[in-house]
C-alpha cells in the first residue's frame, strides 16, 4: 500500500474541515453509514419549504490519526452506490415527514366560518 504524502494529507485535513456555520447552525437530519463511508443529510429551510443536501464522507486512518475526505477509491464505488440508495430511502422518509407536518399545520389552522 502506498503511503499518502505529507502534503496531500495536510491538504485533505484542511479541505475537509466542517464549516463553522454547519457545526453550530444545526444537527444533521440523518447519518447513514456503510463500512468506512457515511452520507450525512442536512435539512435546510427556505421560503418554499425544507430542502436537503447530502455529504458523502470516507473516514481513513494514517500515522497522525483519523481523517475524513470526500475522495473515494474506485474499488469502493459499489459501497457508494449502496450508501446512496440507503440515503435516498431515508431522504424520502424525511420528506414524507415534512409533508405530514405541513399538512398537520394546515389542518390545525383556524377555518373560516
N, C-alpha and C. Protein backbone atom coordinates (compact mmCIF):
# COMPACT_ATOMS: atom_id res chain seq x y z
N UNK A 1 0.85 -1.18 0.00
CA UNK A 1 0.00 0.00 0.00
C UNK A 1 0.88 1.23 0.00
N UNK A 2 0.57 2.20 -0.79
CA UNK A 2 1.36 3.42 -0.90
C UNK A 2 0.90 4.39 0.18
N UNK A 3 1.85 4.90 0.95
CA UNK A 3 1.53 5.88 1.99
C UNK A 3 1.23 7.23 1.34
N UNK A 4 0.21 7.94 1.82
CA UNK A 4 -0.07 9.26 1.26
C UNK A 4 1.06 10.22 1.63
N UNK A 5 1.35 11.14 0.74
CA UNK A 5 2.40 12.12 1.03
C UNK A 5 1.93 13.07 2.11
N UNK A 6 2.87 13.66 2.82
CA UNK A 6 2.53 14.60 3.88
C UNK A 6 1.75 15.78 3.32
N UNK A 7 2.17 16.28 2.16
CA UNK A 7 1.49 17.42 1.55
C UNK A 7 0.02 17.10 1.28
N UNK A 8 -0.25 15.95 0.69
CA UNK A 8 -1.63 15.58 0.37
C UNK A 8 -2.44 15.39 1.64
N UNK A 9 -1.87 14.75 2.65
CA UNK A 9 -2.57 14.51 3.90
C UNK A 9 -2.99 15.83 4.54
N UNK A 10 -2.08 16.80 4.59
CA UNK A 10 -2.43 18.08 5.19
C UNK A 10 -3.47 18.81 4.36
N UNK A 11 -3.43 18.64 3.04
CA UNK A 11 -4.44 19.25 2.18
C UNK A 11 -5.81 18.66 2.47
N UNK A 12 -5.86 17.36 2.67
CA UNK A 12 -7.12 16.70 2.97
C UNK A 12 -7.69 17.22 4.28
N UNK A 13 -6.86 17.33 5.29
CA UNK A 13 -7.33 17.81 6.58
C UNK A 13 -7.92 19.20 6.47
N UNK A 14 -7.23 20.10 5.79
CA UNK A 14 -7.71 21.47 5.67
C UNK A 14 -8.94 21.56 4.79
N UNK A 15 -8.96 20.82 3.70
CA UNK A 15 -10.04 20.92 2.74
C UNK A 15 -11.35 20.36 3.26
N UNK A 16 -11.28 19.48 4.23
CA UNK A 16 -12.49 18.80 4.66
C UNK A 16 -12.86 19.07 6.11
N UNK A 17 -12.38 20.18 6.66
CA UNK A 17 -12.80 20.59 7.99
C UNK A 17 -14.21 21.15 7.85
N UNK A 18 -15.15 20.67 8.70
CA UNK A 18 -16.52 21.16 8.57
C UNK A 18 -16.60 22.67 8.74
N UNK A 19 -17.47 23.29 7.99
CA UNK A 19 -17.66 24.74 8.09
C UNK A 19 -18.22 25.09 9.46
N UNK A 20 -17.74 26.16 10.10
CA UNK A 20 -18.21 26.51 11.44
C UNK A 20 -19.71 26.72 11.50
N UNK A 21 -20.30 27.33 10.45
CA UNK A 21 -21.74 27.56 10.49
C UNK A 21 -22.52 26.26 10.49
N UNK A 22 -21.98 25.22 9.87
CA UNK A 22 -22.67 23.94 9.84
C UNK A 22 -22.60 23.27 11.21
N UNK A 23 -21.48 23.43 11.92
CA UNK A 23 -21.33 22.83 13.24
C UNK A 23 -22.26 23.48 14.25
N UNK A 24 -22.42 24.79 14.17
CA UNK A 24 -23.20 25.50 15.17
C UNK A 24 -24.65 25.71 14.76
N UNK A 25 -24.94 25.68 13.46
CA UNK A 25 -26.28 26.01 12.98
C UNK A 25 -27.30 24.93 13.33
N UNK A 26 -27.01 23.70 13.00
CA UNK A 26 -27.96 22.63 13.26
C UNK A 26 -27.30 21.27 13.12
N UNK A 27 -28.00 20.28 13.63
CA UNK A 27 -27.50 18.91 13.55
C UNK A 27 -27.98 18.28 12.25
N UNK A 28 -27.30 17.22 11.82
CA UNK A 28 -27.75 16.53 10.60
C UNK A 28 -29.16 15.96 10.77
N UNK A 29 -29.91 15.93 9.69
CA UNK A 29 -31.23 15.31 9.72
C UNK A 29 -31.09 13.80 9.83
N UNK A 30 -30.01 13.25 9.24
CA UNK A 30 -29.76 11.80 9.29
C UNK A 30 -28.31 11.53 8.90
N UNK A 31 -27.78 10.44 9.41
CA UNK A 31 -26.45 9.96 9.03
C UNK A 31 -26.57 8.48 8.74
N UNK A 32 -26.19 8.07 7.55
CA UNK A 32 -26.25 6.67 7.14
C UNK A 32 -24.82 6.20 6.94
N UNK A 33 -24.50 5.03 7.51
CA UNK A 33 -23.13 4.52 7.44
C UNK A 33 -23.09 3.16 6.76
N UNK A 34 -22.05 2.97 5.95
CA UNK A 34 -21.74 1.69 5.33
C UNK A 34 -20.22 1.57 5.40
N UNK A 35 -19.73 0.67 6.25
CA UNK A 35 -18.30 0.46 6.41
C UNK A 35 -17.64 1.78 6.83
N UNK A 36 -16.62 2.22 6.12
CA UNK A 36 -15.94 3.47 6.46
C UNK A 36 -16.51 4.67 5.69
N UNK A 37 -17.67 4.50 5.09
CA UNK A 37 -18.34 5.57 4.36
C UNK A 37 -19.57 6.03 5.11
N UNK A 38 -19.89 7.30 4.98
CA UNK A 38 -21.14 7.79 5.55
C UNK A 38 -21.71 8.87 4.66
N UNK A 39 -23.03 8.97 4.70
CA UNK A 39 -23.74 10.02 4.00
C UNK A 39 -24.51 10.81 5.06
N UNK A 40 -24.23 12.09 5.13
CA UNK A 40 -24.88 12.96 6.10
C UNK A 40 -25.91 13.81 5.36
N UNK A 41 -27.16 13.74 5.81
CA UNK A 41 -28.24 14.52 5.20
C UNK A 41 -28.50 15.75 6.07
N UNK A 42 -28.43 16.91 5.44
CA UNK A 42 -28.65 18.18 6.13
C UNK A 42 -29.97 18.78 5.68
N UNK A 43 -30.82 19.18 6.62
CA UNK A 43 -32.10 19.82 6.32
C UNK A 43 -31.91 21.33 6.37
N UNK A 44 -32.41 22.02 5.36
CA UNK A 44 -32.35 23.47 5.27
C UNK A 44 -33.76 24.01 5.06
N UNK A 45 -33.97 25.24 5.45
CA UNK A 45 -35.28 25.88 5.29
C UNK A 45 -35.18 27.03 4.30
N UNK A 46 -36.24 27.20 3.52
CA UNK A 46 -36.35 28.35 2.63
C UNK A 46 -37.81 28.79 2.62
N UNK A 47 -38.09 29.87 1.93
CA UNK A 47 -39.46 30.35 1.83
C UNK A 47 -40.36 29.32 1.15
N UNK A 48 -39.78 28.49 0.30
CA UNK A 48 -40.55 27.46 -0.40
C UNK A 48 -40.69 26.18 0.41
N UNK A 49 -40.07 26.12 1.57
CA UNK A 49 -40.14 24.92 2.40
C UNK A 49 -38.78 24.29 2.59
N UNK A 50 -38.76 23.13 3.25
CA UNK A 50 -37.48 22.48 3.53
C UNK A 50 -36.85 21.86 2.28
N UNK A 51 -35.52 21.79 2.28
CA UNK A 51 -34.77 21.11 1.23
C UNK A 51 -33.55 20.48 1.87
N UNK A 52 -32.97 19.51 1.21
CA UNK A 52 -31.89 18.70 1.80
C UNK A 52 -30.64 18.71 0.94
N UNK A 53 -29.51 18.55 1.63
CA UNK A 53 -28.20 18.43 0.99
C UNK A 53 -27.54 17.19 1.57
N UNK A 54 -26.82 16.45 0.73
CA UNK A 54 -26.12 15.24 1.19
C UNK A 54 -24.61 15.42 1.08
N UNK A 55 -23.90 15.02 2.13
CA UNK A 55 -22.43 14.99 2.13
C UNK A 55 -21.99 13.54 2.16
N UNK A 56 -21.15 13.14 1.22
CA UNK A 56 -20.56 11.80 1.21
C UNK A 56 -19.16 11.92 1.80
N UNK A 57 -18.87 11.11 2.83
CA UNK A 57 -17.60 11.20 3.56
C UNK A 57 -17.00 9.82 3.72
N UNK A 58 -15.68 9.73 3.51
CA UNK A 58 -14.94 8.50 3.78
C UNK A 58 -13.98 8.78 4.92
N UNK A 59 -13.98 7.91 5.92
CA UNK A 59 -13.06 8.02 7.05
C UNK A 59 -11.86 7.13 6.79
N UNK A 60 -10.68 7.64 7.10
CA UNK A 60 -9.47 6.84 6.98
C UNK A 60 -8.53 7.18 8.12
N UNK A 61 -7.59 6.30 8.36
CA UNK A 61 -6.62 6.49 9.44
C UNK A 61 -5.22 6.44 8.86
N UNK A 62 -4.38 7.37 9.29
CA UNK A 62 -2.97 7.32 8.94
C UNK A 62 -2.16 7.48 10.22
N UNK A 63 -0.87 7.74 10.08
CA UNK A 63 0.00 7.80 11.26
C UNK A 63 -0.37 8.92 12.22
N UNK A 64 -1.08 9.94 11.77
CA UNK A 64 -1.46 11.04 12.65
C UNK A 64 -2.89 10.92 13.18
N UNK A 65 -3.60 9.85 12.86
CA UNK A 65 -4.94 9.64 13.41
C UNK A 65 -6.00 9.51 12.33
N UNK A 66 -7.25 9.72 12.75
CA UNK A 66 -8.38 9.59 11.84
C UNK A 66 -8.64 10.90 11.10
N UNK A 67 -9.07 10.76 9.85
CA UNK A 67 -9.36 11.91 9.00
C UNK A 67 -10.58 11.58 8.14
N UNK A 68 -11.16 12.63 7.55
CA UNK A 68 -12.29 12.46 6.64
C UNK A 68 -11.96 13.12 5.31
N UNK A 69 -12.47 12.53 4.25
CA UNK A 69 -12.30 13.07 2.90
C UNK A 69 -13.54 12.74 2.08
N UNK A 70 -13.71 13.45 0.98
CA UNK A 70 -14.81 13.11 0.07
C UNK A 70 -14.29 12.32 -1.13
N UNK A 71 -13.01 12.01 -1.14
CA UNK A 71 -12.43 11.17 -2.20
C UNK A 71 -12.63 9.70 -1.83
N UNK A 72 -13.07 8.91 -2.82
CA UNK A 72 -13.38 7.50 -2.59
C UNK A 72 -12.61 6.66 -3.60
N UNK A 73 -11.92 5.62 -3.13
CA UNK A 73 -11.23 4.73 -4.09
C UNK A 73 -12.24 4.09 -5.05
N UNK A 74 -11.82 3.87 -6.27
CA UNK A 74 -12.70 3.28 -7.28
C UNK A 74 -13.24 1.93 -6.83
N UNK A 75 -12.47 1.18 -6.05
CA UNK A 75 -12.93 -0.13 -5.58
C UNK A 75 -14.11 -0.02 -4.62
N UNK A 76 -14.37 1.17 -4.07
CA UNK A 76 -15.48 1.36 -3.13
C UNK A 76 -16.74 1.90 -3.80
N UNK A 77 -16.75 2.00 -5.11
CA UNK A 77 -17.91 2.59 -5.78
C UNK A 77 -19.20 1.80 -5.57
N UNK A 78 -19.11 0.49 -5.46
CA UNK A 78 -20.31 -0.29 -5.20
C UNK A 78 -20.87 0.03 -3.81
N UNK A 79 -19.97 0.22 -2.83
CA UNK A 79 -20.41 0.63 -1.49
C UNK A 79 -21.05 2.02 -1.55
N UNK A 80 -20.49 2.89 -2.37
CA UNK A 80 -21.06 4.24 -2.52
C UNK A 80 -22.47 4.14 -3.11
N UNK A 81 -22.66 3.28 -4.09
CA UNK A 81 -23.98 3.10 -4.70
C UNK A 81 -24.99 2.59 -3.68
N UNK A 82 -24.57 1.63 -2.85
CA UNK A 82 -25.46 1.10 -1.82
C UNK A 82 -25.77 2.18 -0.79
N UNK A 83 -24.76 2.94 -0.40
CA UNK A 83 -24.95 4.03 0.55
C UNK A 83 -25.91 5.07 -0.02
N UNK A 84 -25.75 5.41 -1.28
CA UNK A 84 -26.64 6.38 -1.93
C UNK A 84 -28.07 5.88 -1.95
N UNK A 85 -28.25 4.59 -2.18
CA UNK A 85 -29.60 4.01 -2.18
C UNK A 85 -30.23 4.12 -0.79
N UNK A 86 -29.45 3.80 0.24
CA UNK A 86 -29.94 3.90 1.61
C UNK A 86 -30.26 5.36 1.96
N UNK A 87 -29.39 6.27 1.55
CA UNK A 87 -29.61 7.69 1.83
C UNK A 87 -30.86 8.21 1.12
N UNK A 88 -31.07 7.74 -0.11
CA UNK A 88 -32.25 8.16 -0.86
C UNK A 88 -33.53 7.69 -0.15
N UNK A 89 -33.52 6.46 0.33
CA UNK A 89 -34.69 5.94 1.06
C UNK A 89 -34.93 6.76 2.33
N UNK A 90 -33.87 7.09 3.05
CA UNK A 90 -34.01 7.90 4.26
C UNK A 90 -34.52 9.30 3.91
N UNK A 91 -34.04 9.85 2.81
CA UNK A 91 -34.47 11.16 2.36
C UNK A 91 -35.97 11.17 2.06
N UNK A 92 -36.47 10.11 1.43
CA UNK A 92 -37.90 10.03 1.13
C UNK A 92 -38.72 10.01 2.42
N UNK A 93 -38.22 9.32 3.45
CA UNK A 93 -38.91 9.30 4.74
C UNK A 93 -38.91 10.69 5.37
N UNK A 94 -37.79 11.38 5.31
CA UNK A 94 -37.71 12.74 5.86
C UNK A 94 -38.68 13.67 5.14
N UNK A 95 -38.73 13.58 3.82
CA UNK A 95 -39.64 14.42 3.04
C UNK A 95 -41.10 14.11 3.35
N UNK A 96 -41.40 12.82 3.53
CA UNK A 96 -42.77 12.43 3.89
C UNK A 96 -43.14 13.02 5.25
N UNK A 97 -42.20 13.01 6.18
CA UNK A 97 -42.44 13.62 7.49
C UNK A 97 -42.66 15.12 7.37
N UNK A 98 -41.91 15.78 6.50
CA UNK A 98 -42.11 17.21 6.27
C UNK A 98 -43.50 17.48 5.71
N UNK A 99 -43.92 16.65 4.74
CA UNK A 99 -45.26 16.84 4.15
C UNK A 99 -46.34 16.61 5.19
N UNK A 100 -46.18 15.59 6.03
CA UNK A 100 -47.17 15.30 7.06
C UNK A 100 -47.24 16.45 8.07
N UNK A 101 -46.09 16.98 8.46
CA UNK A 101 -46.06 18.10 9.41
C UNK A 101 -46.71 19.33 8.80
N UNK A 102 -46.44 19.57 7.52
CA UNK A 102 -47.03 20.71 6.82
C UNK A 102 -48.55 20.56 6.74
N UNK A 103 -49.01 19.37 6.44
CA UNK A 103 -50.45 19.10 6.37
C UNK A 103 -51.09 19.26 7.74
N UNK A 104 -50.39 18.81 8.78
CA UNK A 104 -50.90 18.91 10.15
C UNK A 104 -51.05 20.38 10.54
N UNK A 105 -50.09 21.23 10.17
CA UNK A 105 -50.18 22.66 10.45
C UNK A 105 -51.37 23.25 9.72
N UNK A 106 -51.61 22.82 8.48
CA UNK A 106 -52.74 23.32 7.71
C UNK A 106 -54.05 22.88 8.35
N UNK A 107 -54.12 21.63 8.80
CA UNK A 107 -55.34 21.11 9.42
C UNK A 107 -55.67 21.81 10.72
N UNK A 108 -54.63 22.26 11.46
CA UNK A 108 -54.84 22.92 12.75
C UNK A 108 -55.13 24.41 12.62
N UNK A 109 -54.99 24.96 11.43
CA UNK A 109 -55.23 26.39 11.22
C UNK A 109 -56.71 26.67 11.40
N UNK A 110 -57.03 27.85 11.94
CA UNK A 110 -58.45 28.19 12.11
C UNK A 110 -59.16 28.22 10.76
N UNK A 111 -60.31 27.64 10.71
CA UNK A 111 -61.09 27.58 9.47
C UNK A 111 -62.13 28.70 9.48
N UNK A 112 -62.36 29.32 8.32
CA UNK A 112 -63.41 30.37 8.26
C UNK A 112 -64.78 29.75 8.52
N UNK A 113 -65.61 30.55 9.14
CA UNK A 113 -66.96 30.03 9.47
C UNK A 113 -67.97 30.44 8.46
